[in-house]
Amino acid sequence: MNLEEYFKRIGFHGSYDKLDLATLKLIHKQHIMSIPFENLSIHCGERIILDLEVIFNKIVRSHRGGWCLENNSLFGWVLREMGYDTTTLGARVFSSTSNDFLPTETHLINKVGIDGKAYITDVSFGVSSQIWEPLELVSGKDQPQAAGVFGLIDRGDIWVLEKTGRKQVVLNPDFAKSSLVSTKETKQIYSFTLVPREVDHFFETNHTLQTDPTSLFTNKSICSLQTPAGFRALVGWTYSEVTYKLEEGVDVLDMRDITDDEIEQILREKFDTKLQNKLQPANNKACYTI
């Protein structure tokens, strides 16, 4: 494993001698524009293993994506190798079904210290909840990005990530009432504490998320990649291209269903991803919006 291979994977050709915020922002954005958030291994009969060498080979050398436990583990390693003051944290994702945060930390993020300030980096939440740049760890400050206005709230025992987005306009009327379309413009995304975590803290979660029949990730095959104008997503057989229209105050969703025969081409052309094993798409009932 080496940084040069990773930088080539994300298309970063600049200098990284200066461990400043500008460099962190650039690498963060290059990662999310190059490496998909995806759980396709589960639906290809593969096992997701939380081992840095395995993750590096999968994402960097085999040109795949991964879910948060893989992507953010890799990104944390990159930051530490570069010399950034980096701490791994665990987060509890908000569930609209229970109207509360999940009881366990199923999401992994990183905290980075630069010049006396702290920032939250997260290169693997995907779709419209994906931050494009690190967020300053300060409570109550609006932090506008392409997807909307993000904010971190200090509630004493936990920090909460919130986002206010825009109205979603669906071009294809067949998908106007799709369960994938969010009707909420303001939402809580996840909560976290500042307690440092080691990777083994997530071993049981990593196993459960890919084996539990009630898990979102066993019920839906998901692939999401950010683009300069918005993002692309493939959930089951539904392919979406989302364009952020900031000046008009809307997100435009171009959604369509594709056939099994189109899957491989879509993954290759739209997500720059090539699978070794055949994908069995899944889109069972589970609460998930793009």
C-alpha atoms as a PDB file:
ATOM      1  CA  MET A   1       0.000   0.000   0.000  1.00  0.00           C
ATOM      2  CA  ASN A   2       1.254   3.465  -0.814  1.00  0.00           C
ATOM      3  CA  LEU A   3      -0.127   6.974  -1.163  1.00  0.00           C
ATOM      4  CA  GLU A   4       0.904   7.293  -4.804  1.00  0.00           C
ATOM      5  CA  GLU A   5      -1.414   4.461  -5.852  1.00  0.00           C
ATOM      6  CA  TYR A   6      -4.283   6.016  -3.906  1.00  0.00           C
ATOM      7  CA  PHE A   7      -3.669   9.480  -5.357  1.00  0.00           C
ATOM      8  CA  LYS A   8      -3.653   8.025  -8.865  1.00  0.00           C
ATOM      9  CA  ARG A   9      -6.968   6.287  -8.098  1.00  0.00           C
ATOM     10  CA  ILE A  10      -8.632   9.585  -7.137  1.00  0.00           C
ATOM     11  CA  GLY A  11      -6.872  11.667  -9.793  1.00  0.00           C
ATOM     12  CA  PHE A  12      -4.918  13.821  -7.346  1.00  0.00           C
ATOM     13  CA  HIS A  13      -1.718  15.186  -8.834  1.00  0.00           C
ATOM     14  CA  GLY A  14      -0.904  18.052  -6.492  1.00  0.00           C
ATOM     15  CA  SER A  15       1.591  18.473  -3.702  1.00  0.00           C
ATOM     16  CA  TYR A  16       0.706  17.206  -0.268  1.00  0.00           C
ATOM     17  CA  ASP A  17       3.683  18.583   1.620  1.00  0.00           C
ATOM     18  CA  LYS A  18       1.498  21.210   3.274  1.00  0.00           C
ATOM     19  CA  LEU A  19      -0.963  19.666   5.714  1.00  0.00           C
ATOM     20  CA  ASP A  20      -3.512  22.471   5.441  1.00  0.00           C
ATOM     21  CA  LEU A  21      -7.281  22.687   5.066  1.00  0.00           C
ATOM     22  CA  ALA A  22      -7.099  23.409   1.327  1.00  0.00           C
ATOM     23  CA  THR A  23      -5.270  20.117   0.665  1.00  0.00           C
ATOM     24  CA  LEU A  24      -7.701  18.193   2.890  1.00  0.00           C
ATOM     25  CA  LYS A  25     -10.687  19.691   1.051  1.00  0.00           C
ATOM     26  CA  LEU A  26      -9.226  18.801  -2.340  1.00  0.00           C
ATOM     27  CA  ILE A  27      -8.442  15.184  -1.456  1.00  0.00           C
ATOM     28  CA  HIS A  28     -11.849  14.749   0.216  1.00  0.00           C
ATOM     29  CA  LYS A  29     -13.655  15.998  -2.903  1.00  0.00           C
ATOM     30  CA  GLN A  30     -11.500  13.970  -5.296  1.00  0.00           C
ATOM     31  CA  HIS A  31     -12.295  10.822  -3.309  1.00  0.00           C
ATOM     32  CA  ILE A  32     -16.083  11.197  -3.464  1.00  0.00           C
ATOM     33  CA  MET A  33     -15.956  12.091  -7.177  1.00  0.00           C
ATOM     34  CA  SER A  34     -13.843   9.011  -7.981  1.00  0.00           C
ATOM     35  CA  ILE A  35     -14.788   6.237  -5.562  1.00  0.00           C
ATOM     36  CA  PRO A  36     -18.424   5.111  -5.233  1.00  0.00           C
ATOM     37  CA  PHE A  37     -20.309   4.486  -2.037  1.00  0.00           C
ATOM     38  CA  GLU A  38     -21.540   0.950  -2.706  1.00  0.00           C
ATOM     39  CA  ASN A  39     -22.504  -2.317  -1.042  1.00  0.00           C
ATOM     40  CA  LEU A  40     -22.438  -4.451  -4.199  1.00  0.00           C
ATOM     41  CA  SER A  41     -20.147  -7.097  -2.702  1.00  0.00           C
ATOM     42  CA  ILE A  42     -23.053  -8.346  -0.584  1.00  0.00           C
ATOM     43  CA  HIS A  43     -25.092  -8.908  -3.743  1.00  0.00           C
ATOM     44  CA  CYS A  44     -22.208 -10.539  -5.616  1.00  0.00           C
ATOM     45  CA  GLY A  45     -21.745 -13.297  -3.061  1.00  0.00           C
ATOM     46  CA  GLU A  46     -18.615 -11.644  -1.657  1.00  0.00           C
ATOM     47  CA  ARG A  47     -17.692 -10.931   1.949  1.00  0.00           C
ATOM     48  CA  ILE A  48     -16.785  -7.419   3.075  1.00  0.00           C
ATOM     49  CA  ILE A  49     -13.689  -7.643   5.278  1.00  0.00           C
ATOM     50  CA  LEU A  50     -12.474  -4.844   7.539  1.00  0.00           C
ATOM     51  CA  ASP A  51      -8.791  -5.258   6.843  1.00  0.00           C
ATOM     52  CA  LEU A  52      -6.837  -2.318   5.464  1.00  0.00           C
ATOM     53  CA  GLU A  53      -4.828  -4.385   2.963  1.00  0.00           C
ATOM     54  CA  VAL A  54      -8.021  -6.026   1.672  1.00  0.00           C
ATOM     55  CA  ILE A  55      -9.788  -2.650   1.443  1.00  0.00           C
ATOM     56  CA  PHE A  56      -6.835  -1.055  -0.370  1.00  0.00           C
ATOM     57  CA  ASN A  57      -6.677  -3.885  -2.905  1.00  0.00           C
ATOM     58  CA  LYS A  58     -10.419  -3.718  -3.500  1.00  0.00           C
ATOM     59  CA  ILE A  59     -10.883   0.053  -3.800  1.00  0.00           C
ATOM     60  CA  VAL A  60      -7.538   1.216  -5.168  1.00  0.00           C
ATOM     61  CA  ARG A  61      -6.195  -1.710  -7.169  1.00  0.00           C
ATOM     62  CA  SER A  62      -9.447  -3.368  -8.271  1.00  0.00           C
ATOM     63  CA  HIS A  63     -11.205  -0.058  -8.990  1.00  0.00           C
ATOM     64  CA  ARG A  64     -14.171  -0.722  -6.745  1.00  0.00           C
ATOM     65  CA  GLY A  65     -16.037   1.371  -4.233  1.00  0.00           C
ATOM     66  CA  GLY A  66     -17.155   0.413  -0.762  1.00  0.00           C
ATOM     67  CA  TRP A  67     -19.399   1.348   2.104  1.00  0.00           C
ATOM     68  CA  CYS A  68     -18.452   3.713   4.929  1.00  0.00           C
ATOM     69  CA  LEU A  69     -16.531   1.155   6.977  1.00  0.00           C
ATOM     70  CA  GLU A  70     -14.249   0.585   3.979  1.00  0.00           C
ATOM     71  CA  ASN A  71     -14.056   4.043   2.398  1.00  0.00           C
ATOM     72  CA  ASN A  72     -13.593   6.007   5.607  1.00  0.00           C
ATOM     73  CA  SER A  73     -11.122   3.454   7.000  1.00  0.00           C
ATOM     74  CA  LEU A  74      -9.073   3.874   3.844  1.00  0.00           C
ATOM     75  CA  PHE A  75      -9.389   7.665   3.987  1.00  0.00           C
ATOM     76  CA  GLY A  76      -8.304   7.689   7.626  1.00  0.00           C
ATOM     77  CA  TRP A  77      -5.211   5.681   6.716  1.00  0.00           C
ATOM     78  CA  VAL A  78      -4.431   8.118   3.881  1.00  0.00           C
ATOM     79  CA  LEU A  79      -4.688  11.117   6.202  1.00  0.00           C
ATOM     80  CA  ARG A  80      -2.463   9.513   8.831  1.00  0.00           C
ATOM     81  CA  GLU A  81       0.104   8.530   6.202  1.00  0.00           C
ATOM     82  CA  MET A  82       0.132  12.136   5.006  1.00  0.00           C
ATOM     83  CA  GLY A  83       0.697  13.309   8.572  1.00  0.00           C
ATOM     84  CA  TYR A  84      -2.695  14.763   9.500  1.00  0.00           C
ATOM     85  CA  ASP A  85      -3.841  14.549  13.129  1.00  0.00           C
ATOM     86  CA  THR A  86      -6.673  12.064  12.530  1.00  0.00           C
ATOM     87  CA  THR A  87      -9.082  10.316  14.908  1.00  0.00           C
ATOM     88  CA  THR A  88     -11.634   7.647  13.977  1.00  0.00           C
ATOM     89  CA  LEU A  89     -15.141   8.154  15.381  1.00  0.00           C
ATOM     90  CA  GLY A  90     -18.358   6.116  15.349  1.00  0.00           C
ATOM     91  CA  ALA A  91     -21.752   7.520  14.340  1.00  0.00           C
ATOM     92  CA  ARG A  92     -25.358   6.393  14.765  1.00  0.00           C
ATOM     93  CA  VAL A  93     -27.445   6.921  11.618  1.00  0.00           C
ATOM     94  CA  PHE A  94     -30.882   8.537  11.941  1.00  0.00           C
ATOM     95  CA  SER A  95     -33.781   6.198  11.182  1.00  0.00           C
ATOM     96  CA  SER A  96     -36.956   7.783   9.870  1.00  0.00           C
ATOM     97  CA  THR A  97     -38.774   4.559  10.756  1.00  0.00           C
ATOM     98  CA  SER A  98     -38.098   4.886  14.483  1.00  0.00           C
ATOM     99  CA  ASN A  99     -37.654   8.678  14.323  1.00  0.00           C
ATOM    100  CA  ASP A 100     -34.456   8.274  16.316  1.00  0.00           C
ATOM    101  CA  PHE A 101     -30.799   7.431  15.873  1.00  0.00           C
ATOM    102  CA  LEU A 102     -29.966   3.747  15.587  1.00  0.00           C
ATOM    103  CA  PRO A 103     -28.877   2.165  18.886  1.00  0.00           C
ATOM    104  CA  THR A 104     -25.456   1.127  17.554  1.00  0.00           C
ATOM    105  CA  GLU A 105     -22.662   2.939  15.724  1.00  0.00           C
ATOM    106  CA  THR A 106     -23.001   1.602  12.196  1.00  0.00           C
ATOM    107  CA  HIS A 107     -21.176   4.504  10.533  1.00  0.00           C
ATOM    108  CA  LEU A 108     -17.478   5.367  10.655  1.00  0.00           C
ATOM    109  CA  ILE A 109     -16.155   8.929  10.223  1.00  0.00           C
ATOM    110  CA  ASN A 110     -12.874  10.737  10.866  1.00  0.00           C
ATOM    111  CA  LYS A 111     -12.001  13.879  12.824  1.00  0.00           C
ATOM    112  CA  VAL A 112      -9.009  15.910  11.655  1.00  0.00           C
ATOM    113  CA  GLY A 113      -7.207  18.622  13.602  1.00  0.00           C
ATOM    114  CA  ILE A 114      -5.645  21.512  11.673  1.00  0.00           C
ATOM    115  CA  ASP A 115      -4.182  24.675  13.250  1.00  0.00           C
ATOM    116  CA  GLY A 116      -6.171  24.297  16.452  1.00  0.00           C
ATOM    117  CA  LYS A 117      -9.495  23.611  14.726  1.00  0.00           C
ATOM    118  CA  ALA A 118     -11.294  20.284  14.274  1.00  0.00           C
ATOM    119  CA  TYR A 119     -13.043  19.064  11.119  1.00  0.00           C
ATOM    120  CA  ILE A 120     -15.284  16.085  10.365  1.00  0.00           C
ATOM    121  CA  THR A 121     -14.436  14.188   7.177  1.00  0.00           C
ATOM    122  CA  ASP A 122     -16.825  11.651   5.679  1.00  0.00           C
ATOM    123  CA  VAL A 123     -16.230  10.349   2.152  1.00  0.00           C
ATOM    124  CA  SER A 124     -18.840   7.595   2.236  1.00  0.00           C
ATOM    125  CA  PHE A 125     -22.448   8.379   3.049  1.00  0.00           C
ATOM    126  CA  GLY A 126     -23.528   8.722  -0.554  1.00  0.00           C
ATOM    127  CA  VAL A 127     -26.457  10.239  -2.461  1.00  0.00           C
ATOM    128  CA  SER A 128     -27.757  13.662  -1.378  1.00  0.00           C
ATOM    129  CA  SER A 129     -26.463  13.344   2.209  1.00  0.00           C
ATOM    130  CA  GLN A 130     -22.834  13.212   1.060  1.00  0.00           C
ATOM    131  CA  ILE A 131     -20.687  16.144   2.179  1.00  0.00           C
ATOM    132  CA  TRP A 132     -18.292  17.357  -0.482  1.00  0.00           C
ATOM    133  CA  GLU A 133     -15.886  19.027   1.924  1.00  0.00           C
ATOM    134  CA  PRO A 134     -14.928  18.518   5.575  1.00  0.00           C
ATOM    135  CA  LEU A 135     -17.199  20.241   8.072  1.00  0.00           C
ATOM    136  CA  GLU A 136     -15.756  22.439  10.793  1.00  0.00           C
ATOM    137  CA  LEU A 137     -16.617  20.969  14.199  1.00  0.00           C
ATOM    138  CA  VAL A 138     -18.434  24.008  15.517  1.00  0.00           C
ATOM    139  CA  SER A 139     -22.007  24.044  16.789  1.00  0.00           C
ATOM    140  CA  GLY A 140     -24.824  25.898  15.057  1.00  0.00           C
ATOM    141  CA  LYS A 141     -22.844  27.198  12.093  1.00  0.00           C
ATOM    142  CA  ASP A 142     -24.448  26.967   8.639  1.00  0.00           C
ATOM    143  CA  GLN A 143     -21.968  25.294   6.273  1.00  0.00           C
ATOM    144  CA  PRO A 144     -23.359  25.548   2.715  1.00  0.00           C
ATOM    145  CA  GLN A 145     -22.271  22.971   0.150  1.00  0.00           C
ATOM    146  CA  ALA A 146     -23.571  21.816  -3.232  1.00  0.00           C
ATOM    147  CA  ALA A 147     -26.111  19.384  -1.741  1.00  0.00           C
ATOM    148  CA  GLY A 148     -27.527  21.941   0.696  1.00  0.00           C
ATOM    149  CA  VAL A 149     -26.734  23.591   4.000  1.00  0.00           C
ATOM    150  CA  PHE A 150     -25.080  21.263   6.501  1.00  0.00           C
ATOM    151  CA  GLY A 151     -24.724  21.966  10.186  1.00  0.00           C
ATOM    152  CA  LEU A 152     -23.301  20.315  13.285  1.00  0.00           C
ATOM    153  CA  ILE A 153     -25.184  20.696  16.561  1.00  0.00           C
ATOM    154  CA  ASP A 154     -23.591  20.087  19.960  1.00  0.00           C
ATOM    155  CA  ARG A 155     -26.265  18.540  22.194  1.00  0.00           C
ATOM    156  CA  GLY A 156     -23.948  17.984  25.141  1.00  0.00           C
ATOM    157  CA  ASP A 157     -23.587  14.217  25.086  1.00  0.00           C
ATOM    158  CA  ILE A 158     -23.699  13.908  21.290  1.00  0.00           C
ATOM    159  CA  TRP A 159     -23.064  15.906  18.127  1.00  0.00           C
ATOM    160  CA  VAL A 160     -25.702  15.795  15.388  1.00  0.00           C
ATOM    161  CA  LEU A 161     -25.232  16.293  11.643  1.00  0.00           C
ATOM    162  CA  GLU A 162     -28.190  17.985   9.974  1.00  0.00           C
ATOM    163  CA  LYS A 163     -28.882  19.083   6.418  1.00  0.00           C
ATOM    164  CA  THR A 164     -31.379  21.415   4.795  1.00  0.00           C
ATOM    165  CA  GLY A 165     -31.714  20.670   1.107  1.00  0.00           C
ATOM    166  CA  ARG A 166     -33.992  21.726  -1.714  1.00  0.00           C
ATOM    167  CA  LYS A 167     -37.242  20.499  -3.214  1.00  0.00           C
ATOM    168  CA  GLN A 168     -36.768  17.434  -5.400  1.00  0.00           C
ATOM    169  CA  VAL A 169     -38.275  17.635  -8.888  1.00  0.00           C
ATOM    170  CA  VAL A 170     -38.758  14.267 -10.604  1.00  0.00           C
ATOM    171  CA  LEU A 171     -38.703  14.375 -14.423  1.00  0.00           C
ATOM    172  CA  ASN A 172     -40.238  10.958 -15.037  1.00  0.00           C
ATOM    173  CA  PRO A 173     -43.834  10.999 -13.714  1.00  0.00           C
ATOM    174  CA  ASP A 174     -43.667   7.216 -13.184  1.00  0.00           C
ATOM    175  CA  PHE A 175     -41.275   7.888 -10.272  1.00  0.00           C
ATOM    176  CA  ALA A 176     -43.040  10.889  -8.765  1.00  0.00           C
ATOM    177  CA  LYS A 177     -44.210   8.786  -5.817  1.00  0.00           C
ATOM    178  CA  SER A 178     -41.177   6.514  -5.622  1.00  0.00           C
ATOM    179  CA  SER A 179     -40.070   5.588  -2.104  1.00  0.00           C
ATOM    180  CA  LEU A 180     -36.566   6.657  -3.154  1.00  0.00           C
ATOM    181  CA  VAL A 181     -37.668  10.299  -3.443  1.00  0.00           C
ATOM    182  CA  SER A 182     -37.343  12.267  -0.233  1.00  0.00           C
ATOM    183  CA  THR A 183     -40.154  14.572   0.821  1.00  0.00           C
ATOM    184  CA  LYS A 184     -38.175  16.163   3.652  1.00  0.00           C
ATOM    185  CA  GLU A 185     -35.988  19.172   2.921  1.00  0.00           C
ATOM    186  CA  THR A 186     -34.525  19.275   6.447  1.00  0.00           C
ATOM    187  CA  LYS A 187     -33.283  16.090   8.071  1.00  0.00           C
ATOM    188  CA  GLN A 188     -30.960  14.670  10.671  1.00  0.00           C
ATOM    189  CA  ILE A 189     -28.338  12.400   9.150  1.00  0.00           C
ATOM    190  CA  TYR A 190     -26.419  10.939  12.080  1.00  0.00           C
ATOM    191  CA  SER A 191     -25.123  11.587  15.588  1.00  0.00           C
ATOM    192  CA  PHE A 192     -21.691  10.916  17.025  1.00  0.00           C
ATOM    193  CA  THR A 193     -19.486  11.386  20.069  1.00  0.00           C
ATOM    194  CA  LEU A 194     -15.838  12.400  20.156  1.00  0.00           C
ATOM    195  CA  VAL A 195     -14.759   9.111  21.738  1.00  0.00           C
ATOM    196  CA  PRO A 196     -11.920   7.652  19.620  1.00  0.00           C
ATOM    197  CA  ARG A 197     -12.652   4.275  18.034  1.00  0.00           C
ATOM    198  CA  GLU A 198     -10.382   1.533  16.740  1.00  0.00           C
ATOM    199  CA  VAL A 199     -11.386  -0.502  13.689  1.00  0.00           C
ATOM    200  CA  ASP A 200     -12.223  -3.559  15.800  1.00  0.00           C
ATOM    201  CA  HIS A 201     -15.060  -1.540  17.337  1.00  0.00           C
ATOM    202  CA  PHE A 202     -16.867  -2.018  14.005  1.00  0.00           C
ATOM    203  CA  PHE A 203     -16.171  -5.731  13.396  1.00  0.00           C
ATOM    204  CA  GLU A 204     -19.509  -6.969  14.734  1.00  0.00           C
ATOM    205  CA  THR A 205     -21.398  -4.198  12.918  1.00  0.00           C
ATOM    206  CA  ASN A 206     -19.613  -5.037   9.686  1.00  0.00           C
ATOM    207  CA  HIS A 207     -20.773  -8.651  10.019  1.00  0.00           C
ATOM    208  CA  THR A 208     -24.354  -7.794  11.014  1.00  0.00           C
ATOM    209  CA  LEU A 209     -24.961  -5.246   8.253  1.00  0.00           C
ATOM    210  CA  GLN A 210     -24.125  -7.779   5.543  1.00  0.00           C
ATOM    211  CA  THR A 211     -25.898 -10.805   7.054  1.00  0.00           C
ATOM    212  CA  ASP A 212     -28.982  -9.575   8.942  1.00  0.00           C
ATOM    213  CA  PRO A 213     -32.080 -10.078   6.737  1.00  0.00           C
ATOM    214  CA  THR A 214     -33.534  -6.831   8.147  1.00  0.00           C
ATOM    215  CA  SER A 215     -30.464  -4.759   7.269  1.00  0.00           C
ATOM    216  CA  LEU A 216     -30.865  -2.028   4.656  1.00  0.00           C
ATOM    217  CA  PHE A 217     -27.786  -3.346   2.892  1.00  0.00           C
ATOM    218  CA  THR A 218     -29.031  -6.924   2.494  1.00  0.00           C
ATOM    219  CA  ASN A 219     -32.346  -5.616   1.159  1.00  0.00           C
ATOM    220  CA  LYS A 220     -31.017  -3.099  -1.352  1.00  0.00           C
ATOM    221  CA  SER A 221     -28.066  -3.069  -3.709  1.00  0.00           C
ATOM    222  CA  ILE A 222     -26.743   0.502  -3.742  1.00  0.00           C
ATOM    223  CA  CYS A 223     -24.114   2.310  -5.779  1.00  0.00           C
ATOM    224  CA  SER A 224     -23.698   6.090  -5.582  1.00  0.00           C
ATOM    225  CA  LEU A 225     -21.093   8.437  -7.036  1.00  0.00           C
ATOM    226  CA  GLN A 226     -20.884  12.204  -6.734  1.00  0.00           C
ATOM    227  CA  THR A 227     -20.511  14.258  -9.931  1.00  0.00           C
ATOM    228  CA  PRO A 228     -19.570  17.912 -10.472  1.00  0.00           C
ATOM    229  CA  ALA A 229     -23.279  18.678 -10.980  1.00  0.00           C
ATOM    230  CA  GLY A 230     -24.845  16.358  -8.372  1.00  0.00           C
ATOM    231  CA  PHE A 231     -24.677  12.588  -8.121  1.00  0.00           C
ATOM    232  CA  ARG A 232     -25.614   9.282  -9.750  1.00  0.00           C
ATOM    233  CA  ALA A 233     -27.244   6.361  -7.982  1.00  0.00           C
ATOM    234  CA  LEU A 234     -28.193   2.802  -8.827  1.00  0.00           C
ATOM    235  CA  VAL A 235     -30.554   1.234  -6.291  1.00  0.00           C
ATOM    236  CA  GLY A 236     -31.688  -2.197  -7.374  1.00  0.00           C
ATOM    237  CA  TRP A 237     -32.738  -1.646 -10.986  1.00  0.00           C
ATOM    238  CA  THR A 238     -33.492   2.076 -10.609  1.00  0.00           C
ATOM    239  CA  TYR A 239     -30.859   4.362 -12.088  1.00  0.00           C
ATOM    240  CA  SER A 240     -30.948   8.051 -11.162  1.00  0.00           C
ATOM    241  CA  GLU A 241     -28.997  11.098 -12.252  1.00  0.00           C
ATOM    242  CA  VAL A 242     -29.489  14.032  -9.898  1.00  0.00           C
ATOM    243  CA  THR A 243     -28.582  17.600 -10.819  1.00  0.00           C
ATOM    244  CA  TYR A 244     -28.298  20.297  -8.182  1.00  0.00           C
ATOM    245  CA  LYS A 245     -29.943  23.486  -9.478  1.00  0.00           C
ATOM    246  CA  LEU A 246     -28.805  25.889  -6.779  1.00  0.00           C
ATOM    247  CA  GLU A 247     -29.945  29.015  -8.605  1.00  0.00           C
ATOM    248  CA  GLU A 248     -33.454  27.583  -9.008  1.00  0.00           C
ATOM    249  CA  GLY A 249     -33.613  26.108  -5.520  1.00  0.00           C
ATOM    250  CA  VAL A 250     -34.370  22.557  -6.682  1.00  0.00           C
ATOM    251  CA  ASP A 251     -32.735  19.181  -7.264  1.00  0.00           C
ATOM    252  CA  VAL A 252     -33.738  17.594 -10.570  1.00  0.00           C
ATOM    253  CA  LEU A 253     -34.072  13.797 -10.526  1.00  0.00           C
ATOM    254  CA  ASP A 254     -33.878  11.898 -13.805  1.00  0.00           C
ATOM    255  CA  MET A 255     -34.931   8.360 -12.864  1.00  0.00           C
ATOM    256  CA  ARG A 256     -35.490   5.206 -14.906  1.00  0.00           C
ATOM    257  CA  ASP A 257     -35.495   1.452 -14.477  1.00  0.00           C
ATOM    258  CA  ILE A 258     -32.866  -0.578 -16.282  1.00  0.00           C
ATOM    259  CA  THR A 259     -32.705  -4.250 -17.214  1.00  0.00           C
ATOM    260  CA  ASP A 260     -30.327  -6.903 -15.926  1.00  0.00           C
ATOM    261  CA  ASP A 261     -28.543  -6.743 -19.277  1.00  0.00           C
ATOM    262  CA  GLU A 262     -27.793  -3.037 -18.746  1.00  0.00           C
ATOM    263  CA  ILE A 263     -26.364  -3.359 -15.229  1.00  0.00           C
ATOM    264  CA  GLU A 264     -22.776  -4.107 -16.187  1.00  0.00           C
ATOM    265  CA  GLN A 265     -22.617  -1.284 -18.727  1.00  0.00           C
ATOM    266  CA  ILE A 266     -24.174   1.260 -16.337  1.00  0.00           C
ATOM    267  CA  LEU A 267     -21.702   0.353 -13.600  1.00  0.00           C
ATOM    268  CA  ARG A 268     -18.791   0.641 -15.997  1.00  0.00           C
ATOM    269  CA  GLU A 269     -19.820   3.829 -17.793  1.00  0.00           C
ATOM    270  CA  LYS A 270     -21.511   5.771 -14.985  1.00  0.00           C
ATOM    271  CA  PHE A 271     -19.599   4.583 -11.923  1.00  0.00           C
ATOM    272  CA  ASP A 272     -16.280   3.453 -13.442  1.00  0.00           C
ATOM    273  CA  THR A 273     -16.794   0.152 -11.631  1.00  0.00           C
ATOM    274  CA  LYS A 274     -16.206  -3.367 -12.903  1.00  0.00           C
ATOM    275  CA  LEU A 275     -17.387  -6.323 -10.837  1.00  0.00           C
ATOM    276  CA  GLN A 276     -15.597  -9.674 -10.749  1.00  0.00           C
ATOM    277  CA  ASN A 277     -18.731 -11.634  -9.858  1.00  0.00           C
ATOM    278  CA  LYS A 278     -22.258 -11.310 -11.190  1.00  0.00           C
ATOM    279  CA  LEU A 279     -24.473  -8.832  -9.376  1.00  0.00           C
ATOM    280  CA  GLN A 280     -27.896  -9.943  -8.181  1.00  0.00           C
ATOM    281  CA  PRO A 281     -29.677  -6.569  -7.810  1.00  0.00           C
ATOM    282  CA  ALA A 282     -31.997  -6.102  -4.844  1.00  0.00           C
ATOM    283  CA  ASN A 283     -34.598  -3.484  -4.053  1.00  0.00           C
ATOM    284  CA  ASN A 284     -36.733  -4.953  -1.304  1.00  0.00           C
ATOM    285  CA  LYS A 285     -38.857  -2.795   0.953  1.00  0.00           C
ATOM    286  CA  ALA A 286     -36.625  -0.792   3.282  1.00  0.00           C
ATOM    287  CA  CYS A 287     -36.578   2.850   4.208  1.00  0.00           C
ATOM    288  CA  TYR A 288     -34.040   4.576   1.943  1.00  0.00           C
ATOM    289  CA  THR A 289     -34.150   7.803  -0.042  1.00  0.00           C
ATOM    290  CA  ILE A 290     -31.647   9.316  -2.393  1.00  0.00           C
END
